[in-house]
C-alpha atoms as a PDB file:
ATOM      1  CA  MET A   1      82.286  21.461 -13.558  1.00  0.00           C
ATOM      2  CA  TYR A   2      79.083  19.122 -13.357  1.00  0.00           C
ATOM      3  CA  ASN A   3      77.346  20.315 -16.681  1.00  0.00           C
ATOM      4  CA  ILE A   4      73.234  18.779 -17.637  1.00  0.00           C
ATOM      5  CA  THR A   5      71.739  18.494 -20.542  1.00  0.00           C
ATOM      6  CA  LYS A   6      68.125  18.165 -21.021  1.00  0.00           C
ATOM      7  CA  LEU A   7      67.095  16.281 -23.418  1.00  0.00           C
ATOM      8  CA  THR A   8      62.963  16.042 -23.540  1.00  0.00           C
ATOM      9  CA  PHE A   9      60.839  17.272 -20.999  1.00  0.00           C
ATOM     10  CA  VAL A  10      57.020  17.721 -20.640  1.00  0.00           C
ATOM     11  CA  ALA A  11      55.724  17.486 -16.928  1.00  0.00           C
ATOM     12  CA  TRP A  12      52.337  18.844 -15.449  1.00  0.00           C
ATOM     13  CA  GLY A  13      51.673  18.888 -11.643  1.00  0.00           C
ATOM     14  CA  ASP A  14      53.262  16.361  -9.624  1.00  0.00           C
ATOM     15  CA  LEU A  15      53.324  14.245 -12.851  1.00  0.00           C
ATOM     16  CA  ILE A  16      56.037  13.315 -15.498  1.00  0.00           C
ATOM     17  CA  ILE A  17      52.990  13.410 -18.508  1.00  0.00           C
ATOM     18  CA  GLU A  18      55.611  12.903 -21.343  1.00  0.00           C
ATOM     19  CA  PRO A  19      58.703  10.728 -22.365  1.00  0.00           C
ATOM     20  CA  ILE A  20      61.829  12.643 -20.426  1.00  0.00           C
ATOM     21  CA  SER A  21      65.316  12.362 -20.271  1.00  0.00           C
ATOM     22  CA  TYR A  22      69.008  14.260 -19.047  1.00  0.00           C
ATOM     23  CA  ALA A  23      72.471  13.497 -19.581  1.00  0.00           C
ATOM     24  CA  PHE A  24      75.277  15.024 -16.560  1.00  0.00           C
ATOM     25  CA  ARG A  25      78.505  15.678 -17.268  1.00  0.00           C
ATOM     26  CA  ASN A  26      80.424  15.336 -14.493  1.00  0.00           C
ATOM     27  CA  GLU A  27      84.955  14.659 -14.312  1.00  0.00           C
ATOM     28  CA  ASP A  28      84.364  13.640 -10.134  1.00  0.00           C
ATOM     29  CA  LYS A  29      85.559  10.190  -9.953  1.00  0.00           C
ATOM     30  CA  SER A  30      85.451  10.003  -6.115  1.00  0.00           C
ATOM     31  CA  ILE A  31      81.523   9.809  -5.758  1.00  0.00           C
ATOM     32  CA  LEU A  32      78.625   7.739  -8.002  1.00  0.00           C
ATOM     33  CA  THR A  33      77.235   9.961 -10.293  1.00  0.00           C
ATOM     34  CA  ILE A  34      74.417   9.668 -12.782  1.00  0.00           C
ATOM     35  CA  ASP A  35      75.185   9.608 -16.908  1.00  0.00           C
ATOM     36  CA  SER A  36      72.465  10.181 -17.594  1.00  0.00           C
ATOM     37  CA  ILE A  37      68.395   8.901 -16.629  1.00  0.00           C
ATOM     38  CA  GLY A  38      65.188   9.002 -18.369  1.00  0.00           C
ATOM     39  CA  TRP A  39      62.028   8.038 -19.927  1.00  0.00           C
ATOM     40  CA  GLN A  40      61.408   7.110 -23.649  1.00  0.00           C
ATOM     41  CA  LYS A  41      59.464   5.653 -26.217  1.00  0.00           C
ATOM     42  CA  ILE A  42      61.556   3.319 -28.916  1.00  0.00           C
ATOM     43  CA  HIS A  43      59.729   3.417 -32.786  1.00  0.00           C
ATOM     44  CA  SER A  44      62.661   3.031 -34.755  1.00  0.00           C
ATOM     45  CA  PRO A  45      64.308  -0.453 -35.562  1.00  0.00           C
ATOM     46  CA  GLU A  46      67.595   1.648 -36.030  1.00  0.00           C
ATOM     47  CA  TYR A  47      67.486   2.296 -32.088  1.00  0.00           C
ATOM     48  CA  SER A  48      71.065  -0.619 -31.687  1.00  0.00           C
ATOM     49  CA  PHE A  49      73.535  -0.333 -28.901  1.00  0.00           C
ATOM     50  CA  ALA A  50      76.562  -2.784 -29.076  1.00  0.00           C
ATOM     51  CA  GLY A  51      78.691  -2.520 -25.329  1.00  0.00           C
ATOM     52  CA  ASP A  52      81.489  -2.959 -27.358  1.00  0.00           C
ATOM     53  CA  GLU A  53      81.538  -0.162 -29.743  1.00  0.00           C
ATOM     54  CA  ARG A  54      79.851   2.660 -27.899  1.00  0.00           C
ATOM     55  CA  PRO A  55      81.833   6.240 -27.353  1.00  0.00           C
ATOM     56  CA  ASP A  56      80.266   6.828 -24.345  1.00  0.00           C
ATOM     57  CA  CYS A  57      82.366   4.405 -21.288  1.00  0.00           C
ATOM     58  CA  GLY A  58      83.160   3.672 -18.212  1.00  0.00           C
ATOM     59  CA  HIS A  59      79.263   3.094 -16.815  1.00  0.00           C
ATOM     60  CA  VAL A  60      77.121   0.941 -15.864  1.00  0.00           C
ATOM     61  CA  ILE A  61      73.545   0.981 -17.693  1.00  0.00           C
ATOM     62  CA  PHE A  62      70.028  -0.421 -15.362  1.00  0.00           C
ATOM     63  CA  GLN A  63      67.230  -0.229 -18.884  1.00  0.00           C
ATOM     64  CA  TYR A  64      63.581  -1.821 -17.863  1.00  0.00           C
ATOM     65  CA  THR A  65      60.592  -2.543 -20.192  1.00  0.00           C
ATOM     66  CA  LEU A  66      56.902  -0.397 -19.291  1.00  0.00           C
ATOM     67  CA  SER A  67      54.963  -2.090 -22.420  1.00  0.00           C
ATOM     68  CA  GLY A  68      56.003  -2.901 -25.708  1.00  0.00           C
ATOM     69  CA  GLN A  69      59.293  -5.651 -26.277  1.00  0.00           C
ATOM     70  CA  GLY A  70      63.210  -5.021 -26.939  1.00  0.00           C
ATOM     71  CA  TYR A  71      66.123  -7.381 -27.047  1.00  0.00           C
ATOM     72  CA  ILE A  72      69.353  -8.256 -25.443  1.00  0.00           C
ATOM     73  CA  ASP A  73      72.320 -10.175 -27.005  1.00  0.00           C
ATOM     74  CA  TYR A  74      73.992 -11.401 -24.058  1.00  0.00           C
ATOM     75  CA  GLU A  75      76.914 -14.285 -23.722  1.00  0.00           C
ATOM     76  CA  GLN A  76      75.340 -15.686 -27.573  1.00  0.00           C
ATOM     77  CA  GLN A  77      71.925 -15.224 -26.650  1.00  0.00           C
ATOM     78  CA  CYS A  78      69.395 -13.457 -27.913  1.00  0.00           C
ATOM     79  CA  ILE A  79      66.562 -12.438 -24.593  1.00  0.00           C
ATOM     80  CA  PRO A  80      63.529 -10.570 -25.000  1.00  0.00           C
ATOM     81  CA  LEU A  81      63.033  -8.015 -22.938  1.00  0.00           C
ATOM     82  CA  PRO A  82      58.624  -7.869 -22.948  1.00  0.00           C
ATOM     83  CA  LYS A  83      56.960  -6.059 -20.085  1.00  0.00           C
ATOM     84  CA  GLY A  84      58.109  -5.930 -16.853  1.00  0.00           C
ATOM     85  CA  THR A  85      61.949  -6.881 -17.483  1.00  0.00           C
ATOM     86  CA  GLY A  86      65.373  -4.917 -17.457  1.00  0.00           C
ATOM     87  CA  PHE A  87      69.046  -5.626 -17.315  1.00  0.00           C
ATOM     88  CA  LEU A  88      72.279  -4.374 -15.745  1.00  0.00           C
ATOM     89  CA  VAL A  89      74.757  -4.157 -17.905  1.00  0.00           C
ATOM     90  CA  LYS A  90      78.400  -1.998 -18.261  1.00  0.00           C
ATOM     91  CA  VAL A  91      79.994  -0.453 -21.122  1.00  0.00           C
ATOM     92  CA  PRO A  92      82.057  -1.422 -22.008  1.00  0.00           C
ATOM     93  CA  SER A  93      81.189  -4.969 -22.675  1.00  0.00           C
ATOM     94  CA  ARG A  94      80.030  -7.731 -24.832  1.00  0.00           C
ATOM     95  CA  HIS A  95      76.252  -7.018 -25.630  1.00  0.00           C
ATOM     96  CA  ARG A  96      73.984  -4.607 -27.991  1.00  0.00           C
ATOM     97  CA  TYR A  97      70.243  -4.164 -27.029  1.00  0.00           C
ATOM     98  CA  TYR A  98      67.905  -3.070 -29.360  1.00  0.00           C
ATOM     99  CA  TYR A  99      64.195  -2.830 -30.781  1.00  0.00           C
ATOM    100  CA  MET A 100      62.922  -4.625 -34.020  1.00  0.00           C
ATOM    101  CA  ASP A 101      60.192  -2.757 -35.797  1.00  0.00           C
ATOM    102  CA  HIS A 102      57.075  -3.975 -33.536  1.00  0.00           C
ATOM    103  CA  GLN A 103      53.252  -2.935 -34.166  1.00  0.00           C
ATOM    104  CA  GLU A 104      53.782  -1.572 -30.368  1.00  0.00           C
ATOM    105  CA  PRO A 105      57.014   1.517 -29.849  1.00  0.00           C
ATOM    106  CA  TRP A 106      59.061  -0.280 -26.950  1.00  0.00           C
ATOM    107  CA  GLU A 107      58.546   1.775 -23.500  1.00  0.00           C
ATOM    108  CA  VAL A 108      62.171   2.321 -21.284  1.00  0.00           C
ATOM    109  CA  ILE A 109      62.822   3.784 -18.154  1.00  0.00           C
ATOM    110  CA  TRP A 110      66.686   3.916 -18.116  1.00  0.00           C
ATOM    111  CA  LEU A 111      69.639   5.159 -15.306  1.00  0.00           C
ATOM    112  CA  ASN A 112      73.103   5.131 -16.163  1.00  0.00           C
ATOM    113  CA  ILE A 113      75.776   5.529 -13.471  1.00  0.00           C
ATOM    114  CA  ARG A 114      78.808   6.209 -12.833  1.00  0.00           C
ATOM    115  CA  GLY A 115      81.724   4.938  -9.702  1.00  0.00           C
ATOM    116  CA  GLU A 116      83.348   2.490  -8.407  1.00  0.00           C
ATOM    117  CA  GLU A 117      80.411   1.504  -6.336  1.00  0.00           C
ATOM    118  CA  ALA A 118      78.000   0.910  -8.647  1.00  0.00           C
ATOM    119  CA  ASN A 119      80.744  -1.789 -10.376  1.00  0.00           C
ATOM    120  CA  ARG A 120      79.961  -3.584  -7.570  1.00  0.00           C
ATOM    121  CA  ILE A 121      76.797  -3.762  -7.074  1.00  0.00           C
ATOM    122  CA  TRP A 122      76.444  -4.666 -10.768  1.00  0.00           C
ATOM    123  CA  ASP A 123      78.541  -6.821  -9.798  1.00  0.00           C
ATOM    124  CA  LEU A 124      76.712  -8.849  -6.483  1.00  0.00           C
ATOM    125  CA  VAL A 125      73.274  -7.888  -8.041  1.00  0.00           C
ATOM    126  CA  VAL A 126      74.095 -10.321 -11.600  1.00  0.00           C
ATOM    127  CA  GLU A 127      76.364 -12.567  -9.678  1.00  0.00           C
ATOM    128  CA  GLN A 128      72.545 -13.317  -7.788  1.00  0.00           C
ATOM    129  CA  GLU A 129      69.930 -12.984 -10.527  1.00  0.00           C
ATOM    130  CA  GLY A 130      71.859 -13.034 -13.749  1.00  0.00           C
ATOM    131  CA  PRO A 131      72.265  -9.325 -16.072  1.00  0.00           C
ATOM    132  CA  ILE A 132      67.796  -9.457 -16.656  1.00  0.00           C
ATOM    133  CA  ILE A 133      65.838  -9.189 -13.912  1.00  0.00           C
ATOM    134  CA  ARG A 134      62.434  -8.894 -13.326  1.00  0.00           C
ATOM    135  CA  ARG A 135      60.648  -6.678 -11.248  1.00  0.00           C
ATOM    136  CA  ASP A 136      57.026  -5.164 -10.549  1.00  0.00           C
ATOM    137  CA  ALA A 137      55.814  -1.513 -11.833  1.00  0.00           C
ATOM    138  CA  ALA A 138      54.589  -1.394  -8.767  1.00  0.00           C
ATOM    139  CA  SER A 139      57.510  -2.691  -7.159  1.00  0.00           C
ATOM    140  CA  PRO A 140      60.280  -0.501  -4.330  1.00  0.00           C
ATOM    141  CA  LEU A 141      62.767  -0.261  -7.074  1.00  0.00           C
ATOM    142  CA  ILE A 142      60.716   1.252 -10.054  1.00  0.00           C
ATOM    143  CA  HIS A 143      58.908   3.915  -7.913  1.00  0.00           C
ATOM    144  CA  SER A 144      62.904   4.664  -6.506  1.00  0.00           C
ATOM    145  CA  PHE A 145      63.815   5.320  -9.984  1.00  0.00           C
ATOM    146  CA  TRP A 146      60.520   7.926 -10.412  1.00  0.00           C
ATOM    147  CA  LYS A 147      61.561   9.241  -7.483  1.00  0.00           C
ATOM    148  CA  LEU A 148      64.778  10.223  -8.802  1.00  0.00           C
ATOM    149  CA  LEU A 149      63.739  11.400 -12.256  1.00  0.00           C
ATOM    150  CA  ARG A 150      60.834  13.770 -10.588  1.00  0.00           C
ATOM    151  CA  MET A 151      64.231  15.427  -8.657  1.00  0.00           C
ATOM    152  CA  ILE A 152      65.101  16.184 -11.714  1.00  0.00           C
ATOM    153  CA  ALA A 153      62.415  17.045 -13.550  1.00  0.00           C
ATOM    154  CA  GLU A 154      60.217  18.898 -10.372  1.00  0.00           C
ATOM    155  CA  GLU A 155      62.281  19.789  -8.201  1.00  0.00           C
ATOM    156  CA  LYS A 156      65.275  20.950 -10.466  1.00  0.00           C
ATOM    157  CA  VAL A 157      68.082  19.084  -8.427  1.00  0.00           C
ATOM    158  CA  THR A 158      70.971  18.620 -10.106  1.00  0.00           C
ATOM    159  CA  ASP A 159      73.074  18.976  -7.243  1.00  0.00           C
ATOM    160  CA  LYS A 160      76.136  16.131  -7.945  1.00  0.00           C
ATOM    161  CA  TYR A 161      75.919  15.862  -3.915  1.00  0.00           C
ATOM    162  CA  LEU A 162      72.372  15.212  -3.469  1.00  0.00           C
ATOM    163  CA  LEU A 163      71.409  13.062  -6.993  1.00  0.00           C
ATOM    164  CA  SER A 164      74.423  10.728  -5.744  1.00  0.00           C
ATOM    165  CA  VAL A 165      73.268   9.989  -1.954  1.00  0.00           C
ATOM    166  CA  GLN A 166      69.684   9.084  -4.099  1.00  0.00           C
ATOM    167  CA  VAL A 167      71.087   6.943  -6.343  1.00  0.00           C
ATOM    168  CA  TYR A 168      72.711   5.320  -4.117  1.00  0.00           C
ATOM    169  CA  GLU A 169      69.124   4.770  -2.282  1.00  0.00           C
ATOM    170  CA  TRP A 170      68.016   3.085  -5.408  1.00  0.00           C
ATOM    171  CA  MET A 171      71.295   0.661  -5.631  1.00  0.00           C
ATOM    172  CA  LEU A 172      70.657  -0.864  -1.861  1.00  0.00           C
ATOM    173  CA  THR A 173      66.994  -0.970  -3.123  1.00  0.00           C
ATOM    174  CA  LEU A 174      68.078  -3.069  -5.972  1.00  0.00           C
ATOM    175  CA  VAL A 175      70.301  -5.129  -3.840  1.00  0.00           C
ATOM    176  CA  GLN A 176      67.619  -5.759  -0.711  1.00  0.00           C
ATOM    177  CA  THR A 177      64.657  -6.744  -3.817  1.00  0.00           C
ATOM    178  CA  SER A 178      67.008  -9.244  -5.288  1.00  0.00           C
ATOM    179  CA  ARG A 179      68.185 -10.638  -2.180  1.00  0.00           C
ATOM    180  CA  GLU A 180      64.390 -11.046  -0.978  1.00  0.00           C
ATOM    181  CA  LEU A 181      63.874 -12.441  -4.489  1.00  0.00           C
ATOM    182  CA  SER A 182      66.751 -14.782  -3.852  1.00  0.00           C
ATOM    183  CA  LYS A 183      64.993 -16.665  -0.911  1.00  0.00           C
ATOM    184  CA  ASP A 184      61.956 -17.296  -3.033  1.00  0.00           C
ATOM    185  CA  ILE A 185      59.680 -18.053   0.010  1.00  0.00           C
ATOM    186  CA  SER A 186      56.462 -17.638  -0.167  1.00  0.00           C
ATOM    187  CA  ALA A 187      53.738 -15.517   1.719  1.00  0.00           C
ATOM    188  CA  ASN A 188      52.484 -18.071   3.957  1.00  0.00           C
ATOM    189  CA  SER A 189      55.743 -19.265   4.463  1.00  0.00           C
ATOM    190  CA  SER A 190      56.507 -15.511   4.920  1.00  0.00           C
ATOM    191  CA  THR A 191      53.720 -15.282   8.052  1.00  0.00           C
ATOM    192  CA  VAL A 192      54.985 -17.617   9.175  1.00  0.00           C
ATOM    193  CA  ILE A 193      59.375 -16.649   9.699  1.00  0.00           C
ATOM    194  CA  GLN A 194      57.879 -12.940  10.864  1.00  0.00           C
ATOM    195  CA  LYS A 195      55.279 -14.845  13.599  1.00  0.00           C
ATOM    196  CA  ALA A 196      58.446 -16.641  14.914  1.00  0.00           C
ATOM    197  CA  LYS A 197      60.817 -13.791  15.011  1.00  0.00           C
ATOM    198  CA  SER A 198      57.611 -11.766  16.936  1.00  0.00           C
ATOM    199  CA  PHE A 199      57.390 -14.438  19.132  1.00  0.00           C
ATOM    200  CA  MET A 200      60.773 -15.257  20.097  1.00  0.00           C
ATOM    201  CA  LYS A 201      61.421 -10.955  20.572  1.00  0.00           C
ATOM    202  CA  GLU A 202      58.366 -11.077  23.222  1.00  0.00           C
ATOM    203  CA  HIS A 203      59.644 -13.653  25.297  1.00  0.00           C
ATOM    204  CA  TYR A 204      63.051 -13.790  24.854  1.00  0.00           C
ATOM    205  CA  ALA A 205      63.375 -13.984  27.946  1.00  0.00           C
ATOM    206  CA  LEU A 206      61.411 -17.576  28.495  1.00  0.00           C
ATOM    207  CA  PRO A 207      63.771 -21.052  28.815  1.00  0.00           C
ATOM    208  CA  LEU A 208      62.102 -21.332  24.887  1.00  0.00           C
ATOM    209  CA  THR A 209      62.970 -24.240  22.714  1.00  0.00           C
ATOM    210  CA  LEU A 210      62.356 -25.484  19.022  1.00  0.00           C
ATOM    211  CA  ASP A 211      59.497 -27.859  20.027  1.00  0.00           C
ATOM    212  CA  THR A 212      57.734 -24.284  21.960  1.00  0.00           C
ATOM    213  CA  LEU A 213      57.888 -22.038  18.878  1.00  0.00           C
ATOM    214  CA  SER A 214      57.406 -24.843  16.399  1.00  0.00           C
ATOM    215  CA  GLU A 215      53.878 -25.141  18.300  1.00  0.00           C
ATOM    216  CA  HIS A 216      53.690 -21.171  18.733  1.00  0.00           C
ATOM    217  CA  CYS A 217      53.613 -21.248  14.395  1.00  0.00           C
ATOM    218  CA  GLY A 218      51.617 -24.288  14.325  1.00  0.00           C
ATOM    219  CA  ILE A 219      54.494 -25.560  11.898  1.00  0.00           C
ATOM    220  CA  ASN A 220      57.245 -29.517  12.363  1.00  0.00           C
ATOM    221  CA  LYS A 221      60.263 -27.761  14.095  1.00  0.00           C
ATOM    222  CA  HIS A 222      62.819 -29.204  11.141  1.00  0.00           C
ATOM    223  CA  HIS A 223      60.103 -27.580   8.374  1.00  0.00           C
ATOM    224  CA  LEU A 224      60.120 -24.333  10.546  1.00  0.00           C
ATOM    225  CA  CYS A 225      64.288 -24.749  10.809  1.00  0.00           C
ATOM    226  CA  ARG A 226      64.769 -25.055   6.883  1.00  0.00           C
ATOM    227  CA  LEU A 227      62.427 -21.470   5.888  1.00  0.00           C
ATOM    228  CA  PHE A 228      64.435 -19.708   8.710  1.00  0.00           C
ATOM    229  CA  GLN A 229      67.789 -20.560   7.421  1.00  0.00           C
ATOM    230  CA  LYS A 230      66.474 -20.021   3.485  1.00  0.00           C
ATOM    231  CA  SER A 231      65.052 -16.390   4.553  1.00  0.00           C
ATOM    232  CA  GLU A 232      67.045 -15.237   7.194  1.00  0.00           C
ATOM    233  CA  GLN A 233      70.868 -17.770   6.671  1.00  0.00           C
ATOM    234  CA  THR A 234      70.690 -18.526  10.249  1.00  0.00           C
ATOM    235  CA  SER A 235      68.682 -20.846  12.619  1.00  0.00           C
ATOM    236  CA  PRO A 236      65.918 -19.818  14.843  1.00  0.00           C
ATOM    237  CA  LEU A 237      67.845 -19.971  18.185  1.00  0.00           C
ATOM    238  CA  SER A 238      70.513 -18.223  16.801  1.00  0.00           C
ATOM    239  CA  TYR A 239      68.053 -15.627  16.021  1.00  0.00           C
ATOM    240  CA  LEU A 240      67.050 -15.556  19.528  1.00  0.00           C
ATOM    241  CA  ARG A 241      70.034 -15.626  20.820  1.00  0.00           C
ATOM    242  CA  ASP A 242      71.145 -12.536  19.160  1.00  0.00           C
ATOM    243  CA  ARG A 243      68.424 -10.932  20.335  1.00  0.00           C
ATOM    244  CA  ARG A 244      68.713 -12.127  24.283  1.00  0.00           C
ATOM    245  CA  MET A 245      72.490 -10.438  23.617  1.00  0.00           C
ATOM    246  CA  GLU A 246      71.413  -6.725  22.414  1.00  0.00           C
ATOM    247  CA  VAL A 247      68.922  -7.486  25.754  1.00  0.00           C
ATOM    248  CA  ALA A 248      72.055  -7.991  27.442  1.00  0.00           C
ATOM    249  CA  ILE A 249      74.497  -5.278  26.091  1.00  0.00           C
ATOM    250  CA  ALA A 250      71.438  -2.387  26.653  1.00  0.00           C
ATOM    251  CA  MET A 251      71.153  -3.813  30.751  1.00  0.00           C
ATOM    252  CA  LEU A 252      74.861  -3.645  31.243  1.00  0.00           C
ATOM    253  CA  ARG A 253      74.823  -0.758  29.987  1.00  0.00           C
ATOM    254  CA  THR A 254      71.613   1.482  31.393  1.00  0.00           C
ATOM    255  CA  THR A 255      71.416  -0.361  34.391  1.00  0.00           C
ATOM    256  CA  ASP A 256      73.207  -1.647  37.454  1.00  0.00           C
ATOM    257  CA  LEU A 257      71.744  -5.054  37.333  1.00  0.00           C
ATOM    258  CA  PRO A 258      73.881  -7.768  39.102  1.00  0.00           C
ATOM    259  CA  ILE A 259      75.349  -9.975  36.002  1.00  0.00           C
ATOM    260  CA  HIS A 260      73.955 -12.767  37.112  1.00  0.00           C
ATOM    261  CA  GLU A 261      70.586 -11.017  37.575  1.00  0.00           C
ATOM    262  CA  VAL A 262      70.540  -9.737  33.819  1.00  0.00           C
ATOM    263  CA  GLY A 263      71.826 -12.184  32.625  1.00  0.00           C
ATOM    264  CA  GLY A 264      68.845 -14.257  34.171  1.00  0.00           C
ATOM    265  CA  ARG A 265      66.907 -12.045  32.547  1.00  0.00           C
ATOM    266  CA  CYS A 266      67.532 -12.322  28.780  1.00  0.00           C
ATOM    267  CA  GLY A 267      66.644 -15.592  29.357  1.00  0.00           C
ATOM    268  CA  PHE A 268      69.904 -17.144  30.215  1.00  0.00           C
ATOM    269  CA  GLU A 269      69.935 -20.521  31.826  1.00  0.00           C
ATOM    270  CA  SER A 270      73.023 -19.961  33.963  1.00  0.00           C
ATOM    271  CA  THR A 271      75.787 -16.839  34.733  1.00  0.00           C
ATOM    272  CA  SER A 272      78.642 -19.367  33.153  1.00  0.00           C
ATOM    273  CA  TYR A 273      76.784 -19.468  29.838  1.00  0.00           C
ATOM    274  CA  PHE A 274      75.957 -16.134  29.825  1.00  0.00           C
ATOM    275  CA  GLY A 275      79.504 -14.797  30.785  1.00  0.00           C
ATOM    276  CA  LYS A 276      80.464 -18.186  27.338  1.00  0.00           C
ATOM    277  CA  VAL A 277      78.328 -16.842  24.566  1.00  0.00           C
ATOM    278  CA  PHE A 278      78.668 -13.143  26.467  1.00  0.00           C
ATOM    279  CA  ARG A 279      82.385 -13.830  24.973  1.00  0.00           C
ATOM    280  CA  ALA A 280      82.057 -15.118  22.143  1.00  0.00           C
ATOM    281  CA  TYR A 281      79.688 -11.750  21.137  1.00  0.00           C
ATOM    282  CA  MET A 282      82.333 -10.003  22.593  1.00  0.00           C
ATOM    283  CA  SER A 283      85.132 -10.600  23.259  1.00  0.00           C
ATOM    284  CA  MET A 284      85.347  -9.654  26.630  1.00  0.00           C
ATOM    285  CA  THR A 285      83.275 -10.983  30.094  1.00  0.00           C
ATOM    286  CA  PRO A 286      80.012  -8.268  30.911  1.00  0.00           C
ATOM    287  CA  LYS A 287      81.485  -7.234  33.772  1.00  0.00           C
ATOM    288  CA  ASP A 288      84.543  -5.666  31.579  1.00  0.00           C
ATOM    289  CA  TYR A 289      81.533  -4.617  29.461  1.00  0.00           C
ATOM    290  CA  ARG A 290      80.215  -2.848  31.545  1.00  0.00           C
ATOM    291  CA  MET A 291      83.778  -1.387  33.075  1.00  0.00           C
ATOM    292  CA  LYS A 292      84.557  -0.010  29.525  1.00  0.00           C
ATOM    293  CA  ARG A 293      82.647   2.945  29.283  1.00  0.00           C
ATOM    294  CA  LEU A 294      84.809   4.966  27.245  1.00  0.00           C
ATOM    295  CA  GLU A 295      85.831   1.941  24.675  1.00  0.00           C
ATOM    296  CA  PHE A 296      82.107   0.731  24.390  1.00  0.00           C
ATOM    297  CA  PRO A 297      80.084   3.936  25.019  1.00  0.00           C
ATOM    298  CA  TYR A 298      77.123   1.993  23.326  1.00  0.00           C
ATOM    299  CA  HIS A 299      73.164   2.396  24.895  1.00  0.00           C
ATOM    300  CA  ALA A 300      72.958  -0.421  22.560  1.00  0.00           C
ATOM    301  CA  ILE A 301      74.147  -3.366  19.739  1.00  0.00           C
ATOM    302  CA  TYR A 302      71.969  -4.671  17.196  1.00  0.00           C
ATOM    303  CA  TYR A 303      73.008  -8.108  15.186  1.00  0.00           C
ATOM    304  CA  GLU A 304      70.196  -7.943  12.588  1.00  0.00           C
END
């Protein structure tokens, strides 16, 4: 049985206008489930939670500061939590988050989740960013949180499967934004990378070189390679080869063009080189792939 406890709720129209929170009680451990979710303004210095003393265990916690400031003790450090910062912890674990008596209340949103996948995602993000994360209030992660809270508050969605889908979507946003932050690519560098990627997607059939690509992007080829590796975890020429292979696979499946012509149209300099690259990707020749329609019925394969 999936029970929901409504802790506080005031909403008007499409906007939640005052703090609101919900708790869910569910014994289903086979899927991701919400333990609790909410928006809260904390005024009392009695607000304090120690992760190794709580009676409720087996979930992960995301909590984010909208305004004011709280603190978390983590690995013998007292870390302030001002506006725009949040934390990721597990229960049980050795941590304590709390509010000290300030003039301004500590305004937070939180999402507590149960499930093995939540633990895995927490480990992944904490390894990459640490337990303290920083996001703008207009970021996709926070936008996704409000979407989830509105589903419950306004649309009255309580079905555990529907909520599980939305929680997983929120966690994917957490992973994606964490990885984007780890790239540490400036806006100008990001523009250069997108320009290079677009050029390769449009001109994959041409005999492109690093010199051609860097000249198009207006930067040194060595600098382009460093930027590309940092952002995409691959080289520009490997990225180009992936795009050529995608087109070649689609052409083998959707046209009757001779194999040498497919290779030529996709930018491969010779039939033998096309065959060598194709075998490295697909563990078979282009001819074998074309014949094995039952085993490989795909009209396209993507290597993004």
